[in-house]
Amino acid sequence: MIIENRNSYLKNPYINNSNYTQLKKVLNNKNKIATAEKKSVNLSPEDLIKKKIKALNNQLNYIENSEQQLQIGMSVLHQKETGLNNITDIGNQLTELSSQYKKSDLSEKDK
């Protein structure tokens, strides 16, 4: 889902640009595992497997880092949403207090 929606990721100001760069590296990776096999014809099978494992580990590290940054971004958005809900509640309370203040049946002391 995230990979297919890359354009909205670019437009999101809450996500750090370096995180996008990391995700772009993962998405634009020219399959290092397949190219490693072509370049490493002279390597032993054990060395070839080690090279493939290293490439997979690098890709996994990029993905895990990107996922962690996305979770941090989602946490920030959740905190902002909570704050906005609190502001909305305060606004509703002020509206209610204002309507009570306008009522004529309140004494000056109550106002």
PDB file of N, CA and C in Angstrom:
ATOM      1  N   MET A   1       0.821  -1.193   0.000  1.00  0.00           N
ATOM      2  CA  MET A   1       0.000   0.000   0.000  1.00  0.00           C
ATOM      3  C   MET A   1       0.862   1.253   0.000  1.00  0.00           C
ATOM      4  N   ILE A   2       1.877   1.293   0.848  1.00  0.00           N
ATOM      5  CA  ILE A   2       2.740   2.465   0.928  1.00  0.00           C
ATOM      6  C   ILE A   2       3.549   2.599  -0.357  1.00  0.00           C
ATOM      7  N   ILE A   3       4.004   1.481  -0.899  1.00  0.00           N
ATOM      8  CA  ILE A   3       4.854   1.520  -2.085  1.00  0.00           C
ATOM      9  C   ILE A   3       4.068   2.048  -3.282  1.00  0.00           C
ATOM     10  N   GLU A   4       2.793   1.664  -3.404  1.00  0.00           N
ATOM     11  CA  GLU A   4       1.998   2.116  -4.531  1.00  0.00           C
ATOM     12  C   GLU A   4       1.636   3.590  -4.433  1.00  0.00           C
ATOM     13  N   ASN A   5       1.667   4.142  -3.237  1.00  0.00           N
ATOM     14  CA  ASN A   5       1.228   5.514  -3.019  1.00  0.00           C
ATOM     15  C   ASN A   5       2.433   6.416  -2.769  1.00  0.00           C
ATOM     16  N   ARG A   6       3.443   6.331  -3.623  1.00  0.00           N
ATOM     17  CA  ARG A   6       4.676   7.094  -3.422  1.00  0.00           C
ATOM     18  C   ARG A   6       4.459   8.586  -3.589  1.00  0.00           C
ATOM     19  N   ASN A   7       3.562   9.011  -4.462  1.00  0.00           N
ATOM     20  CA  ASN A   7       3.364  10.441  -4.704  1.00  0.00           C
ATOM     21  C   ASN A   7       2.828  11.149  -3.477  1.00  0.00           C
ATOM     22  N   SER A   8       1.908  10.528  -2.737  1.00  0.00           N
ATOM     23  CA  SER A   8       1.396  11.182  -1.543  1.00  0.00           C
ATOM     24  C   SER A   8       2.469  11.240  -0.469  1.00  0.00           C
ATOM     25  N   TYR A   9       3.416  10.305  -0.501  1.00  0.00           N
ATOM     26  CA  TYR A   9       4.516  10.324   0.454  1.00  0.00           C
ATOM     27  C   TYR A   9       5.374  11.564   0.223  1.00  0.00           C
ATOM     28  N   LEU A  10       5.526  11.948  -1.045  1.00  0.00           N
ATOM     29  CA  LEU A  10       6.299  13.144  -1.359  1.00  0.00           C
ATOM     30  C   LEU A  10       5.623  14.402  -0.832  1.00  0.00           C
ATOM     31  N   LYS A  11       4.305  14.420  -0.857  1.00  0.00           N
ATOM     32  CA  LYS A  11       3.558  15.618  -0.480  1.00  0.00           C
ATOM     33  C   LYS A  11       3.382  15.754   1.020  1.00  0.00           C
ATOM     34  N   ASN A  12       3.682  14.711   1.807  1.00  0.00           N
ATOM     35  CA  ASN A  12       3.460  14.748   3.242  1.00  0.00           C
ATOM     36  C   ASN A  12       4.569  15.547   3.924  1.00  0.00           C
ATOM     37  N   PRO A  13       4.256  16.712   4.470  1.00  0.00           N
ATOM     38  CA  PRO A  13       5.309  17.547   5.076  1.00  0.00           C
ATOM     39  C   PRO A  13       5.772  17.026   6.424  1.00  0.00           C
ATOM     40  N   TYR A  14       5.067  16.037   7.005  1.00  0.00           N
ATOM     41  CA  TYR A  14       5.429  15.549   8.321  1.00  0.00           C
ATOM     42  C   TYR A  14       6.485  14.467   8.278  1.00  0.00           C
ATOM     43  N   ILE A  15       6.789  13.980   7.086  1.00  0.00           N
ATOM     44  CA  ILE A  15       7.764  12.920   6.974  1.00  0.00           C
ATOM     45  C   ILE A  15       9.079  13.521   6.499  1.00  0.00           C
ATOM     46  N   ASN A  16      10.139  13.173   7.183  1.00  0.00           N
ATOM     47  CA  ASN A  16      11.470  13.709   6.924  1.00  0.00           C
ATOM     48  C   ASN A  16      11.921  13.325   5.514  1.00  0.00           C
ATOM     49  N   ASN A  17      12.548  14.245   4.809  1.00  0.00           N
ATOM     50  CA  ASN A  17      12.994  13.998   3.441  1.00  0.00           C
ATOM     51  C   ASN A  17      14.021  12.876   3.374  1.00  0.00           C
ATOM     52  N   SER A  18      14.871  12.742   4.383  1.00  0.00           N
ATOM     53  CA  SER A  18      15.867  11.668   4.370  1.00  0.00           C
ATOM     54  C   SER A  18      15.195  10.308   4.440  1.00  0.00           C
ATOM     55  N   ASN A  19      14.046  10.234   5.108  1.00  0.00           N
ATOM     56  CA  ASN A  19      13.318   8.975   5.165  1.00  0.00           C
ATOM     57  C   ASN A  19      12.801   8.613   3.786  1.00  0.00           C
ATOM     58  N   TYR A  20      12.339   9.605   3.050  1.00  0.00           N
ATOM     59  CA  TYR A  20      11.880   9.349   1.693  1.00  0.00           C
ATOM     60  C   TYR A  20      13.040   8.853   0.843  1.00  0.00           C
ATOM     61  N   THR A  21      14.209   9.401   1.048  1.00  0.00           N
ATOM     62  CA  THR A  21      15.380   8.980   0.292  1.00  0.00           C
ATOM     63  C   THR A  21      15.684   7.512   0.562  1.00  0.00           C
ATOM     64  N   GLN A  22      15.549   7.108   1.815  1.00  0.00           N
ATOM     65  CA  GLN A  22      15.785   5.705   2.149  1.00  0.00           C
ATOM     66  C   GLN A  22      14.760   4.806   1.475  1.00  0.00           C
ATOM     67  N   LEU A  23      13.499   5.211   1.504  1.00  0.00           N
ATOM     68  CA  LEU A  23      12.459   4.422   0.868  1.00  0.00           C
ATOM     69  C   LEU A  23      12.680   4.361  -0.633  1.00  0.00           C
ATOM     70  N   LYS A  24      13.126   5.471  -1.207  1.00  0.00           N
ATOM     71  CA  LYS A  24      13.395   5.506  -2.647  1.00  0.00           C
ATOM     72  C   LYS A  24      14.525   4.541  -3.005  1.00  0.00           C
ATOM     73  N   LYS A  25      15.538   4.454  -2.143  1.00  0.00           N
ATOM     74  CA  LYS A  25      16.624   3.515  -2.390  1.00  0.00           C
ATOM     75  C   LYS A  25      16.107   2.081  -2.427  1.00  0.00           C
ATOM     76  N   VAL A  26      15.196   1.773  -1.529  1.00  0.00           N
ATOM     77  CA  VAL A  26      14.631   0.426  -1.506  1.00  0.00           C
ATOM     78  C   VAL A  26      13.816   0.175  -2.766  1.00  0.00           C
ATOM     79  N   LEU A  27      13.001   1.151  -3.148  1.00  0.00           N
ATOM     80  CA  LEU A  27      12.126   0.973  -4.301  1.00  0.00           C
ATOM     81  C   LEU A  27      12.901   0.940  -5.615  1.00  0.00           C
ATOM     82  N   ASN A  28      13.958   1.720  -5.720  1.00  0.00           N
ATOM     83  CA  ASN A  28      14.713   1.812  -6.959  1.00  0.00           C
ATOM     84  C   ASN A  28      15.908   0.869  -7.004  1.00  0.00           C
ATOM     85  N   ASN A  29      16.012   0.001  -6.023  1.00  0.00           N
ATOM     86  CA  ASN A  29      17.127  -0.929  -5.985  1.00  0.00           C
ATOM     87  C   ASN A  29      17.053  -1.825  -7.216  1.00  0.00           C
ATOM     88  N   LYS A  30      18.127  -1.893  -7.968  1.00  0.00           N
ATOM     89  CA  LYS A  30      18.129  -2.651  -9.226  1.00  0.00           C
ATOM     90  C   LYS A  30      18.453  -4.113  -8.970  1.00  0.00           C
ATOM     91  N   ASN A  31      17.759  -4.687  -8.017  1.00  0.00           N
ATOM     92  CA  ASN A  31      17.875  -6.112  -7.694  1.00  0.00           C
ATOM     93  C   ASN A  31      19.331  -6.530  -7.570  1.00  0.00           C
ATOM     94  N   LYS A  32      19.967  -6.057  -6.529  1.00  0.00           N
ATOM     95  CA  LYS A  32      21.380  -6.346  -6.298  1.00  0.00           C
ATOM     96  C   LYS A  32      21.646  -7.841  -6.187  1.00  0.00           C
ATOM     97  N   ILE A  33      20.645  -8.586  -5.791  1.00  0.00           N
ATOM     98  CA  ILE A  33      20.839 -10.023  -5.636  1.00  0.00           C
ATOM     99  C   ILE A  33      21.053 -10.673  -7.000  1.00  0.00           C
ATOM    100  N   ALA A  34      20.248 -10.294  -7.985  1.00  0.00           N
ATOM    101  CA  ALA A  34      20.388 -10.861  -9.324  1.00  0.00           C
ATOM    102  C   ALA A  34      21.668 -10.379  -9.991  1.00  0.00           C
ATOM    103  N   THR A  35      21.996  -9.100  -9.824  1.00  0.00           N
ATOM    104  CA  THR A  35      23.210  -8.577 -10.455  1.00  0.00           C
ATOM    105  C   THR A  35      24.459  -9.119  -9.784  1.00  0.00           C
ATOM    106  N   ALA A  36      24.360  -9.441  -8.502  1.00  0.00           N
ATOM    107  CA  ALA A  36      25.514 -10.012  -7.803  1.00  0.00           C
ATOM    108  C   ALA A  36      25.883 -11.347  -8.434  1.00  0.00           C
ATOM    109  N   GLU A  37      24.896 -12.088  -8.860  1.00  0.00           N
ATOM    110  CA  GLU A  37      25.169 -13.391  -9.473  1.00  0.00           C
ATOM    111  C   GLU A  37      25.904 -13.221 -10.797  1.00  0.00           C
ATOM    112  N   LYS A  38      25.522 -12.225 -11.592  1.00  0.00           N
ATOM    113  CA  LYS A  38      26.168 -11.990 -12.876  1.00  0.00           C
ATOM    114  C   LYS A  38      27.618 -11.527 -12.700  1.00  0.00           C
ATOM    115  N   LYS A  39      27.853 -10.669 -11.722  1.00  0.00           N
ATOM    116  CA  LYS A  39      29.188 -10.114 -11.512  1.00  0.00           C
ATOM    117  C   LYS A  39      30.122 -11.098 -10.824  1.00  0.00           C
ATOM    118  N   SER A  40      29.540 -12.103 -10.183  1.00  0.00           N
ATOM    119  CA  SER A  40      30.339 -12.980  -9.337  1.00  0.00           C
ATOM    120  C   SER A  40      30.433 -14.387  -9.903  1.00  0.00           C
ATOM    121  N   VAL A  41      30.677 -14.490 -11.183  1.00  0.00           N
ATOM    122  CA  VAL A  41      30.763 -15.799 -11.823  1.00  0.00           C
ATOM    123  C   VAL A  41      31.942 -16.585 -11.267  1.00  0.00           C
ATOM    124  N   ASN A  42      33.017 -15.911 -10.933  1.00  0.00           N
ATOM    125  CA  ASN A  42      34.227 -16.582 -10.471  1.00  0.00           C
ATOM    126  C   ASN A  42      34.218 -16.886  -8.976  1.00  0.00           C
ATOM    127  N   LEU A  43      33.203 -16.433  -8.245  1.00  0.00           N
ATOM    128  CA  LEU A  43      33.159 -16.668  -6.803  1.00  0.00           C
ATOM    129  C   LEU A  43      32.681 -18.083  -6.506  1.00  0.00           C
ATOM    130  N   SER A  44      33.090 -18.564  -5.347  1.00  0.00           N
ATOM    131  CA  SER A  44      32.622 -19.886  -4.914  1.00  0.00           C
ATOM    132  C   SER A  44      31.148 -19.774  -4.508  1.00  0.00           C
ATOM    133  N   PRO A  45      30.426 -20.887  -4.490  1.00  0.00           N
ATOM    134  CA  PRO A  45      29.010 -20.830  -4.095  1.00  0.00           C
ATOM    135  C   PRO A  45      28.815 -20.256  -2.696  1.00  0.00           C
ATOM    136  N   GLU A  46      29.726 -20.550  -1.781  1.00  0.00           N
ATOM    137  CA  GLU A  46      29.604 -20.016  -0.418  1.00  0.00           C
ATOM    138  C   GLU A  46      29.743 -18.496  -0.408  1.00  0.00           C
ATOM    139  N   ASP A  47      30.716 -17.988  -1.186  1.00  0.00           N
ATOM    140  CA  ASP A  47      30.916 -16.539  -1.257  1.00  0.00           C
ATOM    141  C   ASP A  47      29.726 -15.852  -1.928  1.00  0.00           C
ATOM    142  N   LEU A  48      29.185 -16.514  -2.938  1.00  0.00           N
ATOM    143  CA  LEU A  48      28.019 -15.961  -3.622  1.00  0.00           C
ATOM    144  C   LEU A  48      26.825 -15.881  -2.684  1.00  0.00           C
ATOM    145  N   ILE A  49      26.627 -16.912  -1.882  1.00  0.00           N
ATOM    146  CA  ILE A  49      25.522 -16.913  -0.909  1.00  0.00           C
ATOM    147  C   ILE A  49      25.748 -15.823   0.136  1.00  0.00           C
ATOM    148  N   LYS A  50      26.991 -15.668   0.596  1.00  0.00           N
ATOM    149  CA  LYS A  50      27.293 -14.619   1.576  1.00  0.00           C
ATOM    150  C   LYS A  50      26.996 -13.230   0.998  1.00  0.00           C
ATOM    151  N   LYS A  51      27.350 -13.044  -0.273  1.00  0.00           N
ATOM    152  CA  LYS A  51      27.106 -11.757  -0.920  1.00  0.00           C
ATOM    153  C   LYS A  51      25.603 -11.494  -1.051  1.00  0.00           C
ATOM    154  N   LYS A  52      24.837 -12.526  -1.406  1.00  0.00           N
ATOM    155  CA  LYS A  52      23.389 -12.387  -1.512  1.00  0.00           C
ATOM    156  C   LYS A  52      22.769 -12.088  -0.150  1.00  0.00           C
ATOM    157  N   ILE A  53      23.258 -12.759   0.883  1.00  0.00           N
ATOM    158  CA  ILE A  53      22.746 -12.528   2.244  1.00  0.00           C
ATOM    159  C   ILE A  53      23.043 -11.104   2.685  1.00  0.00           C
ATOM    160  N   LYS A  54      24.239 -10.625   2.358  1.00  0.00           N
ATOM    161  CA  LYS A  54      24.595  -9.250   2.719  1.00  0.00           C
ATOM    162  C   LYS A  54      23.681  -8.246   2.015  1.00  0.00           C
ATOM    163  N   ALA A  55      23.402  -8.477   0.728  1.00  0.00           N
ATOM    164  CA  ALA A  55      22.498  -7.586  -0.008  1.00  0.00           C
ATOM    165  C   ALA A  55      21.094  -7.627   0.584  1.00  0.00           C
ATOM    166  N   LEU A  56      20.621  -8.820   0.952  1.00  0.00           N
ATOM    167  CA  LEU A  56      19.297  -8.933   1.575  1.00  0.00           C
ATOM    168  C   LEU A  56      19.255  -8.222   2.923  1.00  0.00           C
ATOM    169  N   ASN A  57      20.316  -8.371   3.709  1.00  0.00           N
ATOM    170  CA  ASN A  57      20.375  -7.692   5.009  1.00  0.00           C
ATOM    171  C   ASN A  57      20.358  -6.172   4.841  1.00  0.00           C
ATOM    172  N   ASN A  58      21.075  -5.662   3.845  1.00  0.00           N
ATOM    173  CA  ASN A  58      21.059  -4.220   3.597  1.00  0.00           C
ATOM    174  C   ASN A  58      19.661  -3.739   3.228  1.00  0.00           C
ATOM    175  N   GLN A  59      18.988  -4.481   2.357  1.00  0.00           N
ATOM    176  CA  GLN A  59      17.626  -4.107   1.979  1.00  0.00           C
ATOM    177  C   GLN A  59      16.704  -4.161   3.183  1.00  0.00           C
ATOM    178  N   LEU A  60      16.852  -5.185   4.006  1.00  0.00           N
ATOM    179  CA  LEU A  60      16.027  -5.318   5.205  1.00  0.00           C
ATOM    180  C   LEU A  60      16.265  -4.158   6.161  1.00  0.00           C
ATOM    181  N   ASN A  61      17.511  -3.748   6.315  1.00  0.00           N
ATOM    182  CA  ASN A  61      17.815  -2.618   7.193  1.00  0.00           C
ATOM    183  C   ASN A  61      17.156  -1.331   6.691  1.00  0.00           C
ATOM    184  N   TYR A  62      17.216  -1.096   5.364  1.00  0.00           N
ATOM    185  CA  TYR A  62      16.551   0.076   4.803  1.00  0.00           C
ATOM    186  C   TYR A  62      15.050   0.026   5.072  1.00  0.00           C
ATOM    187  N   ILE A  63      14.455  -1.128   4.866  1.00  0.00           N
ATOM    188  CA  ILE A  63      13.007  -1.275   5.049  1.00  0.00           C
ATOM    189  C   ILE A  63      12.635  -1.075   6.512  1.00  0.00           C
ATOM    190  N   GLU A  64      13.390  -1.683   7.424  1.00  0.00           N
ATOM    191  CA  GLU A  64      13.094  -1.538   8.848  1.00  0.00           C
ATOM    192  C   GLU A  64      13.227  -0.086   9.290  1.00  0.00           C
ATOM    193  N   ASN A  65      14.251   0.600   8.808  1.00  0.00           N
ATOM    194  CA  ASN A  65      14.441   2.006   9.162  1.00  0.00           C
ATOM    195  C   ASN A  65      13.284   2.851   8.635  1.00  0.00           C
ATOM    196  N   SER A  66      12.879   2.585   7.409  1.00  0.00           N
ATOM    197  CA  SER A  66      11.757   3.327   6.828  1.00  0.00           C
ATOM    198  C   SER A  66      10.481   3.071   7.609  1.00  0.00           C
ATOM    199  N   GLU A  67      10.270   1.818   7.993  1.00  0.00           N
ATOM    200  CA  GLU A  67       9.073   1.481   8.770  1.00  0.00           C
ATOM    201  C   GLU A  67       9.088   2.194  10.118  1.00  0.00           C
ATOM    202  N   GLN A  68      10.245   2.236  10.757  1.00  0.00           N
ATOM    203  CA  GLN A  68      10.362   2.917  12.044  1.00  0.00           C
ATOM    204  C   GLN A  68      10.060   4.411  11.901  1.00  0.00           C
ATOM    205  N   GLN A  69      10.569   5.025  10.850  1.00  0.00           N
ATOM    206  CA  GLN A  69      10.316   6.447  10.635  1.00  0.00           C
ATOM    207  C   GLN A  69       8.831   6.701  10.347  1.00  0.00           C
ATOM    208  N   LEU A  70       8.200   5.799   9.620  1.00  0.00           N
ATOM    209  CA  LEU A  70       6.764   5.939   9.364  1.00  0.00           C
ATOM    210  C   LEU A  70       5.966   5.820  10.659  1.00  0.00           C
ATOM    211  N   GLN A  71       6.365   4.913  11.533  1.00  0.00           N
ATOM    212  CA  GLN A  71       5.677   4.773  12.815  1.00  0.00           C
ATOM    213  C   GLN A  71       5.838   6.031  13.662  1.00  0.00           C
ATOM    214  N   ILE A  72       7.011   6.630  13.637  1.00  0.00           N
ATOM    215  CA  ILE A  72       7.228   7.880  14.367  1.00  0.00           C
ATOM    216  C   ILE A  72       6.340   8.972  13.788  1.00  0.00           C
ATOM    217  N   GLY A  73       6.265   9.037  12.458  1.00  0.00           N
ATOM    218  CA  GLY A  73       5.396  10.024  11.810  1.00  0.00           C
ATOM    219  C   GLY A  73       3.939   9.819  12.173  1.00  0.00           C
ATOM    220  N   MET A  74       3.496   8.578  12.214  1.00  0.00           N
ATOM    221  CA  MET A  74       2.110   8.282  12.584  1.00  0.00           C
ATOM    222  C   MET A  74       1.848   8.673  14.043  1.00  0.00           C
ATOM    223  N   SER A  75       2.834   8.466  14.905  1.00  0.00           N
ATOM    224  CA  SER A  75       2.688   8.850  16.306  1.00  0.00           C
ATOM    225  C   SER A  75       2.526  10.367  16.438  1.00  0.00           C
ATOM    226  N   VAL A  76       3.318  11.115  15.683  1.00  0.00           N
ATOM    227  CA  VAL A  76       3.206  12.579  15.703  1.00  0.00           C
ATOM    228  C   VAL A  76       1.835  13.011  15.212  1.00  0.00           C
ATOM    229  N   LEU A  77       1.367  12.383  14.134  1.00  0.00           N
ATOM    230  CA  LEU A  77       0.040  12.720  13.614  1.00  0.00           C
ATOM    231  C   LEU A  77      -1.053  12.393  14.624  1.00  0.00           C
ATOM    232  N   HIS A  78      -0.894  11.289  15.348  1.00  0.00           N
ATOM    233  CA  HIS A  78      -1.885  10.929  16.373  1.00  0.00           C
ATOM    234  C   HIS A  78      -1.897  11.962  17.500  1.00  0.00           C
ATOM    235  N   GLN A  79      -0.714  12.418  17.908  1.00  0.00           N
ATOM    236  CA  GLN A  79      -0.646  13.442  18.950  1.00  0.00           C
ATOM    237  C   GLN A  79      -1.293  14.739  18.488  1.00  0.00           C
ATOM    238  N   LYS A  80      -1.077  15.102  17.235  1.00  0.00           N
ATOM    239  CA  LYS A  80      -1.692  16.323  16.705  1.00  0.00           C
ATOM    240  C   LYS A  80      -3.204  16.177  16.641  1.00  0.00           C
ATOM    241  N   GLU A  81      -3.668  15.000  16.274  1.00  0.00           N
ATOM    242  CA  GLU A  81      -5.120  14.763  16.219  1.00  0.00           C
ATOM    243  C   GLU A  81      -5.732  14.863  17.610  1.00  0.00           C
ATOM    244  N   THR A  82      -5.046  14.310  18.601  1.00  0.00           N
ATOM    245  CA  THR A  82      -5.521  14.395  19.979  1.00  0.00           C
ATOM    246  C   THR A  82      -5.585  15.855  20.430  1.00  0.00           C
ATOM    247  N   GLY A  83      -4.560  16.623  20.116  1.00  0.00           N
ATOM    248  CA  GLY A  83      -4.553  18.046  20.473  1.00  0.00           C
ATOM    249  C   GLY A  83      -5.668  18.806  19.788  1.00  0.00           C
ATOM    250  N   LEU A  84      -5.916  18.495  18.531  1.00  0.00           N
ATOM    251  CA  LEU A  84      -7.003  19.151  17.803  1.00  0.00           C
ATOM    252  C   LEU A  84      -8.357  18.806  18.409  1.00  0.00           C
ATOM    253  N   ASN A  85      -8.529  17.557  18.820  1.00  0.00           N
ATOM    254  CA  ASN A  85      -9.779  17.168  19.476  1.00  0.00           C
ATOM    255  C   ASN A  85      -9.959  17.914  20.792  1.00  0.00           C
ATOM    256  N   ASN A  86      -8.868  18.102  21.538  1.00  0.00           N
ATOM    257  CA  ASN A  86      -8.944  18.855  22.792  1.00  0.00           C
ATOM    258  C   ASN A  86      -9.342  20.305  22.532  1.00  0.00           C
ATOM    259  N   ILE A  87      -8.768  20.895  21.497  1.00  0.00           N
ATOM    260  CA  ILE A  87      -9.109  22.283  21.148  1.00  0.00           C
ATOM    261  C   ILE A  87     -10.576  22.379  20.743  1.00  0.00           C
ATOM    262  N   THR A  88     -11.062  21.397  20.004  1.00  0.00           N
ATOM    263  CA  THR A  88     -12.473  21.378  19.602  1.00  0.00           C
ATOM    264  C   THR A  88     -13.375  21.291  20.826  1.00  0.00           C
ATOM    265  N   ASP A  89     -13.015  20.433  21.786  1.00  0.00           N
ATOM    266  CA  ASP A  89     -13.802  20.311  23.020  1.00  0.00           C
ATOM    267  C   ASP A  89     -13.828  21.633  23.792  1.00  0.00           C
ATOM    268  N   ILE A  90     -12.684  22.287  23.879  1.00  0.00           N
ATOM    269  CA  ILE A  90     -12.627  23.580  24.582  1.00  0.00           C
ATOM    270  C   ILE A  90     -13.495  24.604  23.867  1.00  0.00           C
ATOM    271  N   GLY A  91     -13.452  24.609  22.543  1.00  0.00           N
ATOM    272  CA  GLY A  91     -14.303  25.531  21.780  1.00  0.00           C
ATOM    273  C   GLY A  91     -15.778  25.276  22.031  1.00  0.00           C
ATOM    274  N   ASN A  92     -16.167  24.014  22.110  1.00  0.00           N
ATOM    275  CA  ASN A  92     -17.570  23.686  22.399  1.00  0.00           C
ATOM    276  C   ASN A  92     -17.966  24.134  23.795  1.00  0.00           C
ATOM    277  N   GLN A  93     -17.066  23.964  24.759  1.00  0.00           N
ATOM    278  CA  GLN A  93     -17.344  24.412  26.123  1.00  0.00           C
ATOM    279  C   GLN A  93     -17.481  25.938  26.183  1.00  0.00           C
ATOM    280  N   LEU A  94     -16.624  26.643  25.456  1.00  0.00           N
ATOM    281  CA  LEU A  94     -16.724  28.108  25.426  1.00  0.00           C
ATOM    282  C   LEU A  94     -18.034  28.558  24.781  1.00  0.00           C
ATOM    283  N   THR A  95     -18.475  27.862  23.748  1.00  0.00           N
ATOM    284  CA  THR A  95     -19.755  28.193  23.107  1.00  0.00           C
ATOM    285  C   THR A  95     -20.898  27.996  24.091  1.00  0.00           C
ATOM    286  N   GLU A  96     -20.840  26.903  24.842  1.00  0.00           N
ATOM    287  CA  GLU A  96     -21.891  26.641  25.830  1.00  0.00           C
ATOM    288  C   GLU A  96     -21.875  27.693  26.938  1.00  0.00           C
ATOM    289  N   LEU A  97     -20.685  28.051  27.409  1.00  0.00           N
ATOM    290  CA  LEU A  97     -20.595  29.094  28.442  1.00  0.00           C
ATOM    291  C   LEU A  97     -21.105  30.429  27.920  1.00  0.00           C
ATOM    292  N   SER A  98     -20.828  30.726  26.682  1.00  0.00           N
ATOM    293  CA  SER A  98     -21.287  31.967  26.083  1.00  0.00           C
ATOM    294  C   SER A  98     -22.812  32.007  26.000  1.00  0.00           C
ATOM    295  N   SER A  99     -23.405  30.886  25.629  1.00  0.00           N
ATOM    296  CA  SER A  99     -24.869  30.857  25.553  1.00  0.00           C
ATOM    297  C   SER A  99     -25.483  30.969  26.946  1.00  0.00           C
ATOM    298  N   GLN A 100     -24.851  30.378  27.954  1.00  0.00           N
ATOM    299  CA  GLN A 100     -25.362  30.505  29.324  1.00  0.00           C
ATOM    300  C   GLN A 100     -25.228  31.945  29.818  1.00  0.00           C
ATOM    301  N   TYR A 101     -24.145  32.608  29.421  1.00  0.00           N
ATOM    302  CA  TYR A 101     -23.921  33.989  29.844  1.00  0.00           C
ATOM    303  C   TYR A 101     -24.974  34.919  29.256  1.00  0.00           C
ATOM    304  N   LYS A 102     -25.416  34.617  28.050  1.00  0.00           N
ATOM    305  CA  LYS A 102     -26.398  35.458  27.375  1.00  0.00           C
ATOM    306  C   LYS A 102     -27.802  35.301  27.951  1.00  0.00           C
ATOM    307  N   LYS A 103     -28.049  34.226  28.700  1.00  0.00           N
ATOM    308  CA  LYS A 103     -29.375  34.018  29.270  1.00  0.00           C
ATOM    309  C   LYS A 103     -29.675  35.115  30.283  1.00  0.00           C
ATOM    310  N   SER A 104     -30.893  35.562  30.255  1.00  0.00           N
ATOM    311  CA  SER A 104     -31.275  36.659  31.148  1.00  0.00           C
ATOM    312  C   SER A 104     -31.587  36.198  32.560  1.00  0.00           C
ATOM    313  N   ASP A 105     -31.756  34.906  32.788  1.00  0.00           N
ATOM    314  CA  ASP A 105     -32.144  34.442  34.129  1.00  0.00           C
ATOM    315  C   ASP A 105     -30.949  34.306  35.071  1.00  0.00           C
ATOM    316  N   LEU A 106     -29.710  34.619  34.636  1.00  0.00           N
ATOM    317  CA  LEU A 106     -28.544  34.551  35.496  1.00  0.00           C
ATOM    318  C   LEU A 106     -28.348  35.895  36.186  1.00  0.00           C
ATOM    319  N   SER A 107     -27.920  35.806  37.445  1.00  0.00           N
ATOM    320  CA  SER A 107     -27.607  37.037  38.162  1.00  0.00           C
ATOM    321  C   SER A 107     -26.229  37.530  37.736  1.00  0.00           C
ATOM    322  N   GLU A 108     -25.905  38.755  38.109  1.00  0.00           N
ATOM    323  CA  GLU A 108     -24.597  39.319  37.771  1.00  0.00           C
ATOM    324  C   GLU A 108     -23.468  38.523  38.437  1.00  0.00           C
ATOM    325  N   LYS A 109     -23.752  38.002  39.630  1.00  0.00           N
ATOM    326  CA  LYS A 109     -22.755  37.230  40.344  1.00  0.00           C
ATOM    327  C   LYS A 109     -22.478  35.913  39.599  1.00  0.00           C
ATOM    328  N   ASP A 110     -23.539  35.282  39.086  1.00  0.00           N
ATOM    329  CA  ASP A 110     -23.371  34.028  38.333  1.00  0.00           C
ATOM    330  C   ASP A 110     -22.628  34.257  37.028  1.00  0.00           C
ATOM    331  N   LYS A 111     -22.860  35.409  36.398  1.00  0.00           N
ATOM    332  CA  LYS A 111     -22.178  35.697  35.133  1.00  0.00           C
ATOM    333  C   LYS A 111     -20.707  35.859  35.402  1.00  0.00           C
TER     334      LYS A 111
END
